[in-house]
All heavy atoms as atom14 arrays in JSON, in Angstrom:
{
  "sequence": "TPEGFRTPWLYRRVRHPMMKGFLLLLWAAPQMTADHLLLSAGLSLY",
  "atom14_mask": [
    [1, 1, 1, 1, 1, 1, 1, 0, 0, 0, 0, 0, 0, 0],
    [1, 1, 1, 1, 1, 1, 1, 0, 0, 0, 0, 0, 0, 0],
    [1, 1, 1, 1, 1, 1, 1, 1, 1, 0, 0, 0, 0, 0],
    [1, 1, 1, 1, 0, 0, 0, 0, 0, 0, 0, 0, 0, 0],
    [1, 1, 1, 1, 1, 1, 1, 1, 1, 1, 1, 0, 0, 0],
    [1, 1, 1, 1, 1, 1, 1, 1, 1, 1, 1, 0, 0, 0],
    [1, 1, 1, 1, 1, 1, 1, 0, 0, 0, 0, 0, 0, 0],
    [1, 1, 1, 1, 1, 1, 1, 0, 0, 0, 0, 0, 0, 0],
    [1, 1, 1, 1, 1, 1, 1, 1, 1, 1, 1, 1, 1, 1],
    [1, 1, 1, 1, 1, 1, 1, 1, 0, 0, 0, 0, 0, 0],
    [1, 1, 1, 1, 1, 1, 1, 1, 1, 1, 1, 1, 0, 0],
    [1, 1, 1, 1, 1, 1, 1, 1, 1, 1, 1, 0, 0, 0],
    [1, 1, 1, 1, 1, 1, 1, 1, 1, 1, 1, 0, 0, 0],
    [1, 1, 1, 1, 1, 1, 1, 0, 0, 0, 0, 0, 0, 0],
    [1, 1, 1, 1, 1, 1, 1, 1, 1, 1, 1, 0, 0, 0],
    [1, 1, 1, 1, 1, 1, 1, 1, 1, 1, 0, 0, 0, 0],
    [1, 1, 1, 1, 1, 1, 1, 0, 0, 0, 0, 0, 0, 0],
    [1, 1, 1, 1, 1, 1, 1, 1, 0, 0, 0, 0, 0, 0],
    [1, 1, 1, 1, 1, 1, 1, 1, 0, 0, 0, 0, 0, 0],
    [1, 1, 1, 1, 1, 1, 1, 1, 1, 0, 0, 0, 0, 0],
    [1, 1, 1, 1, 0, 0, 0, 0, 0, 0, 0, 0, 0, 0],
    [1, 1, 1, 1, 1, 1, 1, 1, 1, 1, 1, 0, 0, 0],
    [1, 1, 1, 1, 1, 1, 1, 1, 0, 0, 0, 0, 0, 0],
    [1, 1, 1, 1, 1, 1, 1, 1, 0, 0, 0, 0, 0, 0],
    [1, 1, 1, 1, 1, 1, 1, 1, 0, 0, 0, 0, 0, 0],
    [1, 1, 1, 1, 1, 1, 1, 1, 0, 0, 0, 0, 0, 0],
    [1, 1, 1, 1, 1, 1, 1, 1, 1, 1, 1, 1, 1, 1],
    [1, 1, 1, 1, 1, 0, 0, 0, 0, 0, 0, 0, 0, 0],
    [1, 1, 1, 1, 1, 0, 0, 0, 0, 0, 0, 0, 0, 0],
    [1, 1, 1, 1, 1, 1, 1, 0, 0, 0, 0, 0, 0, 0],
    [1, 1, 1, 1, 1, 1, 1, 1, 1, 0, 0, 0, 0, 0],
    [1, 1, 1, 1, 1, 1, 1, 1, 0, 0, 0, 0, 0, 0],
    [1, 1, 1, 1, 1, 1, 1, 0, 0, 0, 0, 0, 0, 0],
    [1, 1, 1, 1, 1, 0, 0, 0, 0, 0, 0, 0, 0, 0],
    [1, 1, 1, 1, 1, 1, 1, 1, 0, 0, 0, 0, 0, 0],
    [1, 1, 1, 1, 1, 1, 1, 1, 1, 1, 0, 0, 0, 0],
    [1, 1, 1, 1, 1, 1, 1, 1, 0, 0, 0, 0, 0, 0],
    [1, 1, 1, 1, 1, 1, 1, 1, 0, 0, 0, 0, 0, 0],
    [1, 1, 1, 1, 1, 1, 1, 1, 0, 0, 0, 0, 0, 0],
    [1, 1, 1, 1, 1, 1, 0, 0, 0, 0, 0, 0, 0, 0],
    [1, 1, 1, 1, 1, 0, 0, 0, 0, 0, 0, 0, 0, 0],
    [1, 1, 1, 1, 0, 0, 0, 0, 0, 0, 0, 0, 0, 0],
    [1, 1, 1, 1, 1, 1, 1, 1, 0, 0, 0, 0, 0, 0],
    [1, 1, 1, 1, 1, 1, 0, 0, 0, 0, 0, 0, 0, 0],
    [1, 1, 1, 1, 1, 1, 1, 1, 0, 0, 0, 0, 0, 0],
    [1, 1, 1, 1, 1, 1, 1, 1, 1, 1, 1, 1, 0, 0]
  ],
  "atom14_positions": [
    [[71.21, 109.75, 91.9], [71.39, 111.21, 92.21], [72.81, 111.49, 92.31], [73.6, 111.01, 93.2], [70.7, 111.49, 93.6], [71.3, 110.58, 94.55], [69.23, 111.31, 93.56], [0.0, 0.0, 0.0], [0.0, 0.0, 0.0], [0.0, 0.0, 0.0], [0.0, 0.0, 0.0], [0.0, 0.0, 0.0], [0.0, 0.0, 0.0], [0.0, 0.0, 0.0]],
    [[73.43, 112.21, 91.15], [74.84, 112.43, 91.13], [75.23, 113.31, 92.29], [74.58, 114.19, 92.64], [74.99, 113.08, 89.83], [73.67, 113.62, 89.44], [72.66, 112.73, 89.96], [0.0, 0.0, 0.0], [0.0, 0.0, 0.0], [0.0, 0.0, 0.0], [0.0, 0.0, 0.0], [0.0, 0.0, 0.0], [0.0, 0.0, 0.0], [0.0, 0.0, 0.0]],
    [[76.38, 113.02, 92.89], [76.93, 113.85, 93.96], [77.74, 114.94, 93.55], [78.77, 114.69, 92.67], [77.84, 112.88, 94.84], [78.09, 113.6, 96.22], [78.79, 112.65, 97.15], [79.33, 111.52, 96.65], [78.71, 112.79, 98.42], [0.0, 0.0, 0.0], [0.0, 0.0, 0.0], [0.0, 0.0, 0.0], [0.0, 0.0, 0.0], [0.0, 0.0, 0.0]],
    [[77.62, 116.21, 93.77], [78.41, 117.27, 93.35], [79.73, 117.22, 93.98], [80.0, 116.58, 94.94], [0.0, 0.0, 0.0], [0.0, 0.0, 0.0], [0.0, 0.0, 0.0], [0.0, 0.0, 0.0], [0.0, 0.0, 0.0], [0.0, 0.0, 0.0], [0.0, 0.0, 0.0], [0.0, 0.0, 0.0], [0.0, 0.0, 0.0], [0.0, 0.0, 0.0]],
    [[80.58, 118.11, 93.46], [81.98, 118.16, 93.95], [81.97, 118.78, 95.32], [81.5, 119.95, 95.52], [82.85, 118.93, 92.97], [84.27, 119.05, 93.37], [85.12, 117.97, 93.59], [84.77, 120.26, 93.78], [86.49, 118.12, 93.99], [86.08, 120.59, 94.25], [86.91, 119.47, 94.26], [0.0, 0.0, 0.0], [0.0, 0.0, 0.0], [0.0, 0.0, 0.0]],
    [[82.69, 118.17, 96.26], [82.86, 118.64, 97.56], [84.11, 118.13, 98.24], [84.65, 117.0, 97.73], [81.55, 118.39, 98.54], [81.21, 116.86, 98.74], [79.88, 116.69, 99.44], [79.66, 115.21, 99.67], [80.03, 114.65, 100.74], [80.87, 115.21, 101.71], [79.74, 113.37, 101.04], [0.0, 0.0, 0.0], [0.0, 0.0, 0.0], [0.0, 0.0, 0.0]],
    [[84.54, 118.7, 99.27], [85.82, 118.17, 99.79], [85.65, 118.08, 101.4], [85.91, 118.95, 102.18], [86.97, 119.32, 99.68], [86.49, 120.58, 100.1], [87.28, 119.36, 98.14], [0.0, 0.0, 0.0], [0.0, 0.0, 0.0], [0.0, 0.0, 0.0], [0.0, 0.0, 0.0], [0.0, 0.0, 0.0], [0.0, 0.0, 0.0], [0.0, 0.0, 0.0]],
    [[85.21, 116.8, 101.78], [85.14, 116.51, 103.25], [86.43, 116.64, 103.83], [87.58, 116.82, 103.32], [84.53, 115.18, 103.33], [84.41, 114.72, 101.81], [84.97, 115.63, 100.9], [0.0, 0.0, 0.0], [0.0, 0.0, 0.0], [0.0, 0.0, 0.0], [0.0, 0.0, 0.0], [0.0, 0.0, 0.0], [0.0, 0.0, 0.0], [0.0, 0.0, 0.0]],
    [[86.46, 116.32, 105.27], [87.53, 116.54, 106.09], [88.89, 116.06, 105.58], [89.84, 116.76, 105.37], [87.32, 115.91, 107.47], [88.43, 115.92, 108.39], [89.17, 117.01, 108.93], [89.02, 114.78, 108.88], [90.17, 116.54, 109.58], [90.1, 115.21, 109.74], [88.75, 113.39, 108.9], [90.86, 114.45, 110.5], [89.71, 112.53, 109.65], [90.64, 112.97, 110.48]],
    [[88.98, 114.6, 105.19], [90.22, 114.13, 104.75], [90.69, 114.73, 103.47], [91.84, 114.86, 103.28], [90.1, 112.64, 104.61], [90.0, 111.7, 105.87], [89.85, 110.21, 105.53], [91.38, 111.88, 106.63], [0.0, 0.0, 0.0], [0.0, 0.0, 0.0], [0.0, 0.0, 0.0], [0.0, 0.0, 0.0], [0.0, 0.0, 0.0], [0.0, 0.0, 0.0]],
    [[89.76, 115.04, 102.64], [90.14, 115.47, 101.24], [90.35, 117.05, 101.35], [90.78, 117.59, 100.24], [88.82, 115.32, 100.27], [88.69, 113.83, 99.99], [87.97, 112.95, 100.88], [89.22, 113.24, 98.91], [87.85, 111.71, 100.62], [89.07, 112.06, 98.57], [88.38, 111.22, 99.6], [88.21, 109.88, 99.23], [0.0, 0.0, 0.0], [0.0, 0.0, 0.0]],
    [[90.45, 117.6, 102.44], [90.88, 118.98, 102.63], [92.5, 118.89, 103.0], [93.12, 119.99, 103.02], [90.21, 119.75, 103.7], [88.8, 120.14, 103.25], [88.17, 121.14, 103.94], [87.91, 120.77, 105.46], [86.77, 120.13, 105.85], [85.83, 120.01, 104.92], [86.72, 119.8, 107.08], [0.0, 0.0, 0.0], [0.0, 0.0, 0.0], [0.0, 0.0, 0.0]],
    [[93.04, 117.74, 103.39], [94.41, 117.55, 103.64], [95.12, 117.03, 102.46], [96.24, 117.42, 102.17], [94.53, 116.56, 104.8], [93.84, 117.14, 106.11], [94.4, 118.44, 106.41], [95.81, 118.42, 106.86], [96.6, 119.52, 107.08], [96.01, 120.65, 106.85], [97.73, 119.26, 107.26], [0.0, 0.0, 0.0], [0.0, 0.0, 0.0], [0.0, 0.0, 0.0]],
    [[94.51, 115.96, 101.8], [95.16, 115.42, 100.58], [93.97, 115.02, 99.66], [92.92, 114.79, 100.09], [96.03, 114.07, 100.95], [97.33, 114.44, 101.64], [95.26, 113.1, 101.62], [0.0, 0.0, 0.0], [0.0, 0.0, 0.0], [0.0, 0.0, 0.0], [0.0, 0.0, 0.0], [0.0, 0.0, 0.0], [0.0, 0.0, 0.0], [0.0, 0.0, 0.0]],
    [[94.29, 115.0, 98.37], [93.3, 114.76, 97.42], [93.01, 113.17, 97.31], [91.83, 112.91, 96.77], [93.85, 115.21, 95.97], [94.08, 116.65, 95.87], [94.06, 117.19, 94.47], [95.12, 116.51, 93.62], [96.38, 116.97, 93.49], [96.8, 117.95, 94.36], [97.1, 116.26, 92.7], [0.0, 0.0, 0.0], [0.0, 0.0, 0.0], [0.0, 0.0, 0.0]],
    [[94.01, 112.38, 97.76], [93.72, 110.93, 97.61], [94.01, 110.17, 98.87], [95.11, 109.46, 98.91], [94.57, 110.31, 96.44], [94.27, 111.1, 95.11], [93.12, 110.84, 94.43], [95.0, 111.95, 94.41], [93.17, 111.59, 93.32], [94.25, 112.31, 93.34], [0.0, 0.0, 0.0], [0.0, 0.0, 0.0], [0.0, 0.0, 0.0], [0.0, 0.0, 0.0]],
    [[93.31, 110.46, 100.0], [93.6, 109.81, 101.29], [93.44, 108.3, 101.19], [94.25, 107.58, 101.9], [92.51, 110.31, 102.29], [91.41, 110.75, 101.34], [92.04, 111.31, 100.02], [0.0, 0.0, 0.0], [0.0, 0.0, 0.0], [0.0, 0.0, 0.0], [0.0, 0.0, 0.0], [0.0, 0.0, 0.0], [0.0, 0.0, 0.0], [0.0, 0.0, 0.0]],
    [[92.61, 107.6, 100.35], [92.54, 106.22, 100.29], [93.92, 105.63, 99.74], [94.38, 104.64, 100.27], [91.36, 105.87, 99.37], [90.97, 104.37, 99.57], [89.62, 103.92, 98.36], [88.36, 105.04, 99.03], [0.0, 0.0, 0.0], [0.0, 0.0, 0.0], [0.0, 0.0, 0.0], [0.0, 0.0, 0.0], [0.0, 0.0, 0.0], [0.0, 0.0, 0.0]],
    [[94.39, 106.15, 98.74], [95.56, 105.8, 98.2], [96.76, 105.99, 99.05], [97.75, 105.1, 99.19], [95.96, 106.44, 96.72], [94.94, 106.11, 95.71], [94.7, 104.35, 95.3], [93.11, 104.03, 96.28], [0.0, 0.0, 0.0], [0.0, 0.0, 0.0], [0.0, 0.0, 0.0], [0.0, 0.0, 0.0], [0.0, 0.0, 0.0], [0.0, 0.0, 0.0]],
    [[96.83, 107.05, 99.78], [97.81, 107.3, 100.82], [97.76, 106.24, 101.83], [98.88, 105.72, 102.33], [97.56, 108.68, 101.47], [98.54, 108.91, 102.58], [98.25, 110.33, 103.31], [99.23, 110.49, 104.34], [100.6, 110.74, 103.94], [0.0, 0.0, 0.0], [0.0, 0.0, 0.0], [0.0, 0.0, 0.0], [0.0, 0.0, 0.0], [0.0, 0.0, 0.0]],
    [[96.56, 105.77, 102.28], [96.39, 104.52, 103.19], [97.01, 103.37, 102.69], [97.76, 102.61, 103.48], [0.0, 0.0, 0.0], [0.0, 0.0, 0.0], [0.0, 0.0, 0.0], [0.0, 0.0, 0.0], [0.0, 0.0, 0.0], [0.0, 0.0, 0.0], [0.0, 0.0, 0.0], [0.0, 0.0, 0.0], [0.0, 0.0, 0.0], [0.0, 0.0, 0.0]],
    [[96.79, 103.0, 101.42], [97.33, 101.86, 100.81], [98.98, 101.92, 100.73], [99.56, 101.01, 101.1], [96.82, 101.69, 99.25], [95.46, 101.1, 99.15], [94.46, 101.78, 98.54], [95.27, 99.81, 99.73], [93.17, 101.17, 98.44], [94.02, 99.25, 99.73], [92.92, 99.93, 99.01], [0.0, 0.0, 0.0], [0.0, 0.0, 0.0], [0.0, 0.0, 0.0]],
    [[99.43, 103.11, 100.42], [100.84, 103.23, 100.42], [101.5, 103.05, 101.73], [102.66, 102.48, 102.0], [101.3, 104.7, 99.84], [100.99, 104.82, 98.32], [101.1, 106.27, 97.98], [101.74, 103.95, 97.46], [0.0, 0.0, 0.0], [0.0, 0.0, 0.0], [0.0, 0.0, 0.0], [0.0, 0.0, 0.0], [0.0, 0.0, 0.0], [0.0, 0.0, 0.0]],
    [[100.82, 103.55, 102.88], [101.42, 103.42, 104.21], [101.38, 101.81, 104.54], [102.36, 101.44, 105.03], [100.54, 104.14, 105.18], [100.74, 105.72, 105.1], [99.64, 106.24, 106.19], [102.07, 106.15, 105.45], [0.0, 0.0, 0.0], [0.0, 0.0, 0.0], [0.0, 0.0, 0.0], [0.0, 0.0, 0.0], [0.0, 0.0, 0.0], [0.0, 0.0, 0.0]],
    [[100.38, 101.17, 104.2], [100.22, 99.71, 104.44], [101.43, 99.08, 103.65], [102.05, 98.08, 104.18], [98.9, 99.28, 103.87], [98.73, 97.59, 103.93], [98.78, 97.09, 105.22], [97.41, 97.31, 103.22], [0.0, 0.0, 0.0], [0.0, 0.0, 0.0], [0.0, 0.0, 0.0], [0.0, 0.0, 0.0], [0.0, 0.0, 0.0], [0.0, 0.0, 0.0]],
    [[101.65, 99.3, 102.43], [102.6, 98.7, 101.59], [104.07, 98.94, 102.05], [104.84, 98.03, 102.14], [102.51, 99.06, 100.18], [101.2, 98.64, 99.47], [101.14, 99.34, 98.11], [101.22, 97.14, 99.32], [0.0, 0.0, 0.0], [0.0, 0.0, 0.0], [0.0, 0.0, 0.0], [0.0, 0.0, 0.0], [0.0, 0.0, 0.0], [0.0, 0.0, 0.0]],
    [[104.38, 100.1, 102.45], [105.83, 100.47, 102.67], [106.24, 100.54, 104.17], [107.46, 100.38, 104.4], [106.12, 101.89, 102.01], [106.05, 101.93, 100.5], [105.2, 102.18, 99.76], [107.12, 101.32, 99.7], [105.41, 101.93, 98.38], [106.61, 101.21, 98.34], [108.44, 100.73, 99.96], [107.46, 100.95, 97.33], [109.13, 100.24, 98.86], [108.68, 100.36, 97.54]],
    [[105.36, 100.62, 105.1], [105.8, 100.69, 106.6], [105.99, 99.27, 107.08], [105.35, 98.88, 108.07], [104.78, 101.43, 107.31], [0.0, 0.0, 0.0], [0.0, 0.0, 0.0], [0.0, 0.0, 0.0], [0.0, 0.0, 0.0], [0.0, 0.0, 0.0], [0.0, 0.0, 0.0], [0.0, 0.0, 0.0], [0.0, 0.0, 0.0], [0.0, 0.0, 0.0]],
    [[106.81, 98.51, 106.32], [106.94, 97.11, 106.82], [108.2, 96.99, 107.66], [109.34, 97.31, 107.23], [107.1, 96.31, 105.45], [0.0, 0.0, 0.0], [0.0, 0.0, 0.0], [0.0, 0.0, 0.0], [0.0, 0.0, 0.0], [0.0, 0.0, 0.0], [0.0, 0.0, 0.0], [0.0, 0.0, 0.0], [0.0, 0.0, 0.0], [0.0, 0.0, 0.0]],
    [[108.08, 96.45, 108.92], [109.26, 96.05, 109.62], [110.29, 95.26, 109.11], [111.39, 95.44, 109.35], [108.7, 95.48, 110.96], [107.16, 95.85, 110.98], [106.76, 95.94, 109.53], [0.0, 0.0, 0.0], [0.0, 0.0, 0.0], [0.0, 0.0, 0.0], [0.0, 0.0, 0.0], [0.0, 0.0, 0.0], [0.0, 0.0, 0.0], [0.0, 0.0, 0.0]],
    [[109.86, 94.33, 108.22], [110.69, 93.49, 107.51], [110.39, 93.47, 106.04], [109.29, 93.15, 105.61], [110.57, 92.07, 107.96], [111.53, 91.08, 107.33], [111.55, 89.63, 107.82], [110.65, 89.29, 108.52], [112.5, 88.79, 107.62], [0.0, 0.0, 0.0], [0.0, 0.0, 0.0], [0.0, 0.0, 0.0], [0.0, 0.0, 0.0], [0.0, 0.0, 0.0]],
    [[111.43, 94.02, 105.27], [111.14, 94.15, 103.74], [112.04, 93.16, 103.13], [113.23, 93.14, 103.12], [111.6, 95.48, 103.35], [111.42, 95.76, 101.84], [109.63, 95.72, 101.34], [109.07, 97.3, 101.93], [0.0, 0.0, 0.0], [0.0, 0.0, 0.0], [0.0, 0.0, 0.0], [0.0, 0.0, 0.0], [0.0, 0.0, 0.0], [0.0, 0.0, 0.0]],
    [[111.25, 92.07, 102.5], [111.93, 90.97, 101.65], [111.84, 91.4, 100.2], [111.1, 92.49, 99.81], [111.2, 89.69, 101.89], [109.8, 89.88, 101.64], [111.43, 89.3, 103.4], [0.0, 0.0, 0.0], [0.0, 0.0, 0.0], [0.0, 0.0, 0.0], [0.0, 0.0, 0.0], [0.0, 0.0, 0.0], [0.0, 0.0, 0.0], [0.0, 0.0, 0.0]],
    [[112.46, 90.65, 99.39], [112.49, 91.01, 97.97], [111.19, 90.92, 97.34], [110.79, 91.8, 96.56], [113.54, 90.0, 97.24], [0.0, 0.0, 0.0], [0.0, 0.0, 0.0], [0.0, 0.0, 0.0], [0.0, 0.0, 0.0], [0.0, 0.0, 0.0], [0.0, 0.0, 0.0], [0.0, 0.0, 0.0], [0.0, 0.0, 0.0], [0.0, 0.0, 0.0]],
    [[110.34, 89.89, 97.7], [109.04, 89.8, 97.18], [108.04, 90.87, 97.7], [107.24, 91.4, 96.89], [108.41, 88.32, 97.5], [108.31, 88.2, 98.98], [109.34, 88.22, 99.62], [107.19, 87.75, 99.51], [0.0, 0.0, 0.0], [0.0, 0.0, 0.0], [0.0, 0.0, 0.0], [0.0, 0.0, 0.0], [0.0, 0.0, 0.0], [0.0, 0.0, 0.0]],
    [[108.19, 91.35, 98.95], [107.47, 92.37, 99.48], [107.78, 93.78, 98.71], [106.95, 94.54, 98.41], [107.75, 92.53, 100.92], [106.6, 93.35, 101.59], [106.41, 93.37, 103.01], [105.89, 94.48, 101.19], [105.43, 94.3, 103.32], [105.11, 94.87, 102.14], [0.0, 0.0, 0.0], [0.0, 0.0, 0.0], [0.0, 0.0, 0.0], [0.0, 0.0, 0.0]],
    [[109.13, 93.87, 98.46], [109.48, 95.23, 97.65], [108.78, 95.05, 96.29], [108.36, 96.16, 95.84], [110.98, 95.16, 97.55], [111.61, 96.37, 96.74], [111.37, 97.67, 97.41], [113.09, 96.14, 96.51], [0.0, 0.0, 0.0], [0.0, 0.0, 0.0], [0.0, 0.0, 0.0], [0.0, 0.0, 0.0], [0.0, 0.0, 0.0], [0.0, 0.0, 0.0]],
    [[108.79, 93.93, 95.67], [108.19, 93.82, 94.32], [106.69, 94.09, 94.44], [106.1, 94.97, 93.58], [108.4, 92.32, 93.73], [107.54, 92.11, 92.45], [108.14, 93.04, 91.29], [107.61, 90.62, 92.15], [0.0, 0.0, 0.0], [0.0, 0.0, 0.0], [0.0, 0.0, 0.0], [0.0, 0.0, 0.0], [0.0, 0.0, 0.0], [0.0, 0.0, 0.0]],
    [[106.06, 93.77, 95.54], [104.68, 93.85, 95.56], [104.37, 95.41, 95.83], [103.52, 95.9, 95.23], [104.12, 93.09, 96.79], [102.53, 93.27, 97.08], [101.74, 92.58, 96.12], [102.22, 92.66, 98.46], [0.0, 0.0, 0.0], [0.0, 0.0, 0.0], [0.0, 0.0, 0.0], [0.0, 0.0, 0.0], [0.0, 0.0, 0.0], [0.0, 0.0, 0.0]],
    [[105.16, 95.97, 96.77], [104.98, 97.44, 97.21], [105.22, 98.3, 95.93], [104.49, 99.15, 95.73], [105.89, 97.74, 98.35], [105.52, 97.08, 99.5], [0.0, 0.0, 0.0], [0.0, 0.0, 0.0], [0.0, 0.0, 0.0], [0.0, 0.0, 0.0], [0.0, 0.0, 0.0], [0.0, 0.0, 0.0], [0.0, 0.0, 0.0], [0.0, 0.0, 0.0]],
    [[106.37, 98.06, 95.22], [106.79, 98.89, 94.23], [105.79, 98.79, 92.98], [105.33, 99.64, 92.34], [108.14, 98.54, 93.6], [0.0, 0.0, 0.0], [0.0, 0.0, 0.0], [0.0, 0.0, 0.0], [0.0, 0.0, 0.0], [0.0, 0.0, 0.0], [0.0, 0.0, 0.0], [0.0, 0.0, 0.0], [0.0, 0.0, 0.0], [0.0, 0.0, 0.0]],
    [[105.34, 97.5, 92.74], [104.39, 97.29, 91.58], [103.07, 97.9, 91.87], [102.52, 98.59, 90.98], [0.0, 0.0, 0.0], [0.0, 0.0, 0.0], [0.0, 0.0, 0.0], [0.0, 0.0, 0.0], [0.0, 0.0, 0.0], [0.0, 0.0, 0.0], [0.0, 0.0, 0.0], [0.0, 0.0, 0.0], [0.0, 0.0, 0.0], [0.0, 0.0, 0.0]],
    [[102.59, 97.78, 93.11], [101.2, 98.36, 93.36], [101.4, 99.96, 93.46], [100.29, 100.52, 93.08], [100.69, 97.74, 94.72], [100.23, 96.38, 94.6], [99.72, 95.85, 96.0], [99.14, 96.01, 93.55], [0.0, 0.0, 0.0], [0.0, 0.0, 0.0], [0.0, 0.0, 0.0], [0.0, 0.0, 0.0], [0.0, 0.0, 0.0], [0.0, 0.0, 0.0]],
    [[102.39, 100.37, 93.94], [102.66, 101.76, 93.96], [102.65, 102.42, 92.63], [102.08, 103.47, 92.38], [104.0, 102.21, 94.87], [103.87, 101.7, 96.09], [0.0, 0.0, 0.0], [0.0, 0.0, 0.0], [0.0, 0.0, 0.0], [0.0, 0.0, 0.0], [0.0, 0.0, 0.0], [0.0, 0.0, 0.0], [0.0, 0.0, 0.0], [0.0, 0.0, 0.0]],
    [[103.37, 101.78, 91.72], [103.46, 102.21, 90.3], [101.93, 102.23, 89.8], [101.56, 103.28, 89.02], [104.33, 101.41, 89.52], [104.29, 101.7, 87.95], [105.04, 103.14, 87.77], [105.35, 100.68, 87.23], [0.0, 0.0, 0.0], [0.0, 0.0, 0.0], [0.0, 0.0, 0.0], [0.0, 0.0, 0.0], [0.0, 0.0, 0.0], [0.0, 0.0, 0.0]],
    [[101.31, 101.13, 89.95], [99.93, 101.13, 89.46], [98.92, 102.12, 89.99], [98.19, 102.81, 89.36], [99.38, 99.72, 89.68], [97.84, 99.62, 89.12], [97.62, 99.45, 87.78], [96.81, 99.73, 89.93], [96.49, 99.28, 87.27], [95.45, 99.64, 89.48], [95.37, 99.47, 88.11], [94.04, 99.42, 87.58], [0.0, 0.0, 0.0], [0.0, 0.0, 0.0]]
  ]
}
């Protein structure tokens, strides 16, 4: 049963809340090392 287009609570604030959550996880690091920067930048680009 295909689901029609709708905009629940989070999706009325941003179109991609899941990806926003991933970006917060990647970048809000108290200690940013070179390898963490590579991981965060690479996954953010993807």
